[in-house]
Amino acid sequence: MLLLETHMHNCEVSPCAKAKALEIPSVYKEAGFDALAVTNHFSAYAFSLIEGNTSLEKVKNFLRLSELLVDEAKKQGLRAFLCMEVTLSRYQWQDYLVFGDIIQGIIDNPDLYMFTQEHLFELAIKYGWAVFQAHPFRTGCSLGIPKYMHGIEVYNGIHNSKAVFDRSVNFATKNNLKMSAGSDFHALGDEATAGIYIPEDIDNEQSLGQFLINSQPELYTFNKY
């Protein structure tokens, strides 16, 4: 099995991040991780800061800057998957980790962050994406509708507590949702606090998305619960 980071950002794309793409893979290798899912912010705020005169130009720059981390991770012998964290603007702080081959889907839908949760899920079905709500019980966040997601992030390395973890697991179990865990990496020092184990034959975004849609991965939480 491979240990995968499911939730991370590099500062070239995500305005809240502080670590550069070239700095990140080595600290994950040292921590014993095998793979990274790069989930930069696909949001109205992030796109207001990304260069580009049109939404499509901004999408292309989002992909290019996210691929800085993907490519560097692969150079250092890690598996790396280009994914995203979508913030749906019409709701009170709802973030969704999207795993799968995102490229064509966001080129076709460059204003995806303006969509409803139902519409996002329809695209997920069309493009084979797995959709997990990130840190759903974080203060200020609102819960999405369970039938329009595949799972939730029950453990978040930055925003978590035993009470939140238990509440998240209960919500996932009650609603027959898959569970994930991630570090929510933004800066050096945040790394390698959580992840999931995936089979060794997962070597591209499509297979990662299908695995997360159909299987409950074993969670990794460093020295927690």
Protein backbone atom coordinates (compact mmCIF):
# COMPACT_ATOMS: atom_id res chain seq x y z
CA MET A 1 0.00 0.00 0.00
CA LEU A 2 1.03 3.60 -0.63
CA LEU A 3 0.63 6.43 1.88
CA LEU A 4 -1.06 9.37 0.15
CA GLU A 5 -1.43 12.97 1.24
CA THR A 6 -4.95 13.99 0.20
CA HIS A 7 -5.05 17.70 1.00
CA MET A 8 -2.27 20.17 0.20
CA HIS A 9 -1.52 23.53 -1.39
CA ASN A 10 1.46 25.32 -2.88
CA CYS A 11 1.83 29.08 -2.71
CA GLU A 12 2.20 29.63 -6.44
CA VAL A 13 -1.55 28.91 -6.74
CA SER A 14 -3.27 29.02 -3.35
CA PRO A 15 -3.08 32.48 -1.73
CA CYS A 16 -3.30 31.03 1.79
CA ALA A 17 -0.25 28.77 1.28
CA LYS A 18 3.33 29.71 2.17
CA ALA A 19 5.44 26.82 0.84
CA LYS A 20 6.76 26.69 -2.72
CA ALA A 21 6.34 23.68 -4.97
CA LEU A 22 10.06 22.93 -5.00
CA GLU A 23 10.20 22.83 -1.18
CA ILE A 24 7.42 20.38 -0.51
CA PRO A 25 8.15 16.90 -1.91
CA SER A 26 11.37 16.35 0.04
CA VAL A 27 9.69 16.85 3.41
CA TYR A 28 7.02 14.32 2.48
CA LYS A 29 9.62 11.80 1.34
CA GLU A 30 11.44 12.24 4.63
CA ALA A 31 8.18 11.69 6.50
CA GLY A 32 7.60 8.36 4.73
CA PHE A 33 4.85 9.35 2.31
CA ASP A 34 4.69 7.73 -1.11
CA ALA A 35 2.24 9.95 -2.98
CA LEU A 36 0.70 13.43 -3.06
CA ALA A 37 -2.71 14.61 -4.23
CA VAL A 38 -2.24 18.29 -5.07
CA THR A 39 -5.48 20.08 -4.18
CA ASN A 40 -5.02 23.78 -4.77
CA HIS A 41 -7.89 26.18 -4.24
CA PHE A 42 -10.28 26.47 -7.17
CA SER A 43 -12.30 29.41 -5.89
CA ALA A 44 -13.48 32.90 -6.74
CA TYR A 45 -10.90 34.41 -4.41
CA ALA A 46 -7.99 32.34 -5.71
CA PHE A 47 -8.98 33.09 -9.30
CA SER A 48 -9.15 36.82 -8.58
CA LEU A 49 -5.39 36.62 -7.96
CA ILE A 50 -4.38 34.21 -10.74
CA GLU A 51 -3.18 35.87 -13.94
CA GLY A 52 -5.46 35.77 -16.96
CA ASN A 53 -7.92 37.98 -18.82
CA THR A 54 -10.55 35.26 -19.13
CA SER A 55 -11.75 32.43 -16.95
CA LEU A 56 -10.17 29.92 -19.34
CA GLU A 57 -6.80 31.67 -19.14
CA LYS A 58 -7.02 31.55 -15.36
CA VAL A 59 -7.84 27.83 -15.46
CA LYS A 60 -4.80 27.17 -17.63
CA ASN A 61 -2.59 29.07 -15.18
CA PHE A 62 -4.17 27.18 -12.27
CA LEU A 63 -3.20 23.92 -13.96
CA ARG A 64 0.30 25.11 -14.87
CA LEU A 65 1.08 26.31 -11.35
CA SER A 66 -0.38 23.22 -9.69
CA GLU A 67 1.69 21.06 -12.02
CA LEU A 68 4.83 22.67 -10.59
CA LEU A 69 4.27 20.58 -7.46
CA VAL A 70 3.07 17.51 -9.34
CA ASP A 71 6.13 17.52 -11.57
CA GLU A 72 8.60 18.13 -8.74
CA ALA A 73 7.09 15.31 -6.68
CA LYS A 74 7.47 12.92 -9.61
CA LYS A 75 11.08 14.02 -10.12
CA GLN A 76 11.77 13.08 -6.52
CA GLY A 77 10.25 9.61 -6.91
CA LEU A 78 6.82 10.23 -5.45
CA ARG A 79 3.55 9.54 -7.19
CA ALA A 80 1.59 12.73 -7.68
CA PHE A 81 -1.98 13.43 -8.72
CA LEU A 82 -3.39 16.72 -10.01
CA CYS A 83 -6.62 17.34 -8.10
CA MET A 84 -8.30 20.42 -6.58
CA GLU A 85 -10.27 21.90 -3.70
CA VAL A 86 -13.37 23.67 -4.99
CA THR A 87 -15.04 26.36 -2.89
CA LEU A 88 -18.66 26.79 -3.99
CA SER A 89 -19.31 30.52 -3.75
CA ARG A 90 -23.07 30.37 -3.29
CA TYR A 91 -22.85 28.59 0.09
CA GLN A 92 -21.44 29.52 3.47
CA TRP A 93 -17.92 28.16 3.18
CA GLN A 94 -18.29 24.78 1.55
CA ASP A 95 -15.04 23.29 0.23
CA TYR A 96 -14.91 20.06 -1.77
CA LEU A 97 -11.81 17.98 -2.45
CA VAL A 98 -12.12 16.64 -6.00
CA PHE A 99 -10.01 13.62 -6.96
CA GLY A 100 -9.74 12.38 -10.53
CA ASP A 101 -8.74 13.66 -13.95
CA ILE A 102 -9.83 17.28 -13.58
CA ILE A 103 -8.21 18.86 -16.65
CA GLN A 104 -10.93 18.58 -19.28
CA GLY A 105 -13.70 19.15 -16.75
CA ILE A 106 -12.39 22.52 -15.59
CA ILE A 107 -11.45 23.61 -19.11
CA ASP A 108 -15.06 22.91 -20.07
CA ASN A 109 -16.36 24.59 -16.89
CA PRO A 110 -13.93 27.36 -15.91
CA ASP A 111 -16.47 29.00 -13.58
CA LEU A 112 -17.10 25.76 -11.68
CA TYR A 113 -16.89 27.51 -8.30
CA MET A 114 -20.15 29.33 -9.13
CA PHE A 115 -22.09 26.06 -9.52
CA THR A 116 -24.48 24.40 -7.10
CA GLN A 117 -23.41 21.32 -5.15
CA GLU A 118 -25.79 19.25 -7.26
CA HIS A 119 -24.23 20.57 -10.47
CA LEU A 120 -20.73 19.83 -9.17
CA PHE A 121 -21.80 16.26 -8.44
CA GLU A 122 -23.31 15.90 -11.91
CA LEU A 123 -19.93 16.87 -13.35
CA ALA A 124 -18.26 14.40 -11.00
CA ILE A 125 -20.38 11.61 -12.46
CA LYS A 126 -19.62 12.78 -16.00
CA TYR A 127 -15.85 13.03 -15.52
CA GLY A 128 -15.31 10.25 -12.98
CA TRP A 129 -14.41 12.50 -10.05
CA ALA A 130 -14.62 11.56 -6.38
CA VAL A 131 -16.00 14.45 -4.31
CA PHE A 132 -15.28 14.75 -0.57
CA GLN A 133 -16.34 17.71 1.54
CA ALA A 134 -13.28 19.14 3.28
CA HIS A 135 -13.37 19.85 7.03
CA PRO A 136 -17.20 19.94 7.11
CA PHE A 137 -17.42 20.71 10.83
CA ARG A 138 -14.89 23.52 10.86
CA THR A 139 -16.21 26.68 12.51
CA GLY A 140 -17.97 28.81 9.91
CA CYS A 141 -18.52 25.96 7.43
CA SER A 142 -21.90 24.59 6.44
CA LEU A 143 -22.63 20.97 5.66
CA GLY A 144 -23.34 19.95 2.11
CA ILE A 145 -26.11 17.59 1.06
CA PRO A 146 -24.87 14.02 1.54
CA LYS A 147 -26.38 12.61 -1.66
CA TYR A 148 -24.28 15.04 -3.70
CA MET A 149 -20.90 13.88 -2.42
CA HIS A 150 -18.99 10.61 -2.14
CA GLY A 151 -17.46 11.26 1.26
CA ILE A 152 -16.14 13.71 3.81
CA GLU A 153 -12.78 14.53 5.34
CA VAL A 154 -13.19 13.21 8.88
CA TYR A 155 -9.68 14.19 9.98
CA ASN A 156 -8.03 17.47 8.98
CA GLY A 157 -4.51 18.10 10.23
CA ILE A 158 -5.04 21.81 10.85
CA HIS A 159 -8.67 22.03 11.89
CA ASN A 160 -9.50 19.10 14.09
CA SER A 161 -10.19 17.79 17.58
CA LYS A 162 -11.34 14.49 19.01
CA ALA A 163 -14.88 15.84 19.24
CA VAL A 164 -14.86 16.98 15.61
CA PHE A 165 -13.37 13.66 14.50
CA ASP A 166 -16.06 11.66 16.31
CA ARG A 167 -18.80 13.91 14.95
CA SER A 168 -17.44 13.55 11.42
CA VAL A 169 -17.20 9.76 11.61
CA ASN A 170 -20.76 9.58 12.94
CA PHE A 171 -22.03 11.80 10.11
CA ALA A 172 -20.22 9.74 7.47
CA THR A 173 -21.49 6.46 8.92
CA LYS A 174 -25.06 7.71 9.22
CA ASN A 175 -25.08 8.93 5.61
CA ASN A 176 -23.14 6.02 4.08
CA LEU A 177 -20.28 8.29 3.02
CA LYS A 178 -16.64 7.39 2.51
CA MET A 179 -14.08 8.89 4.90
CA SER A 180 -10.75 10.56 4.19
CA ALA A 181 -7.97 12.21 6.17
CA GLY A 182 -5.49 14.87 5.11
CA SER A 183 -2.91 17.26 6.53
CA ASP A 184 -4.34 20.38 4.85
CA PHE A 185 -0.75 21.39 4.15
CA HIS A 186 -0.08 25.12 3.66
CA ALA A 187 3.38 25.67 5.14
CA LEU A 188 6.45 23.77 6.24
CA GLY A 189 5.58 22.28 9.61
CA ASP A 190 2.06 21.32 8.49
CA GLU A 191 3.23 18.29 6.56
CA ALA A 192 2.52 14.60 6.99
CA THR A 193 -0.03 14.73 9.79
CA ALA A 194 -2.68 12.69 7.97
CA GLY A 195 -3.42 10.76 4.81
CA ILE A 196 -4.85 7.55 3.43
CA TYR A 197 -3.45 4.27 2.15
CA ILE A 198 -4.08 3.39 -1.50
CA PRO A 199 -3.21 0.29 -3.53
CA GLU A 200 0.13 0.28 -5.34
CA ASP A 201 -1.51 -0.09 -8.74
CA ILE A 202 -3.06 3.38 -8.55
CA ASP A 203 -0.82 5.41 -10.83
CA ASN A 204 -3.04 8.06 -12.41
CA GLU A 205 -5.81 10.47 -11.51
CA GLN A 206 -8.57 8.36 -13.04
CA SER A 207 -7.73 5.29 -10.99
CA LEU A 208 -7.45 7.38 -7.82
CA GLY A 209 -10.90 8.84 -8.38
CA GLN A 210 -12.46 5.44 -9.00
CA PHE A 211 -10.79 3.94 -5.95
CA LEU A 212 -12.16 6.68 -3.70
CA ILE A 213 -15.65 6.40 -5.19
CA ASN A 214 -15.79 2.65 -4.65
CA SER A 215 -13.60 1.87 -1.62
CA GLN A 216 -13.13 2.98 1.95
CA PRO A 217 -9.39 3.61 2.41
CA GLU A 218 -7.51 2.99 5.60
CA LEU A 219 -6.86 6.33 7.30
CA TYR A 220 -3.51 7.55 8.60
CA THR A 221 -3.45 10.11 11.43
CA PHE A 222 -0.04 10.72 12.98
CA ASN A 223 -0.18 10.17 16.76
CA LYS A 224 -3.93 10.83 16.82
CA TYR A 225 -7.11 8.90 17.67
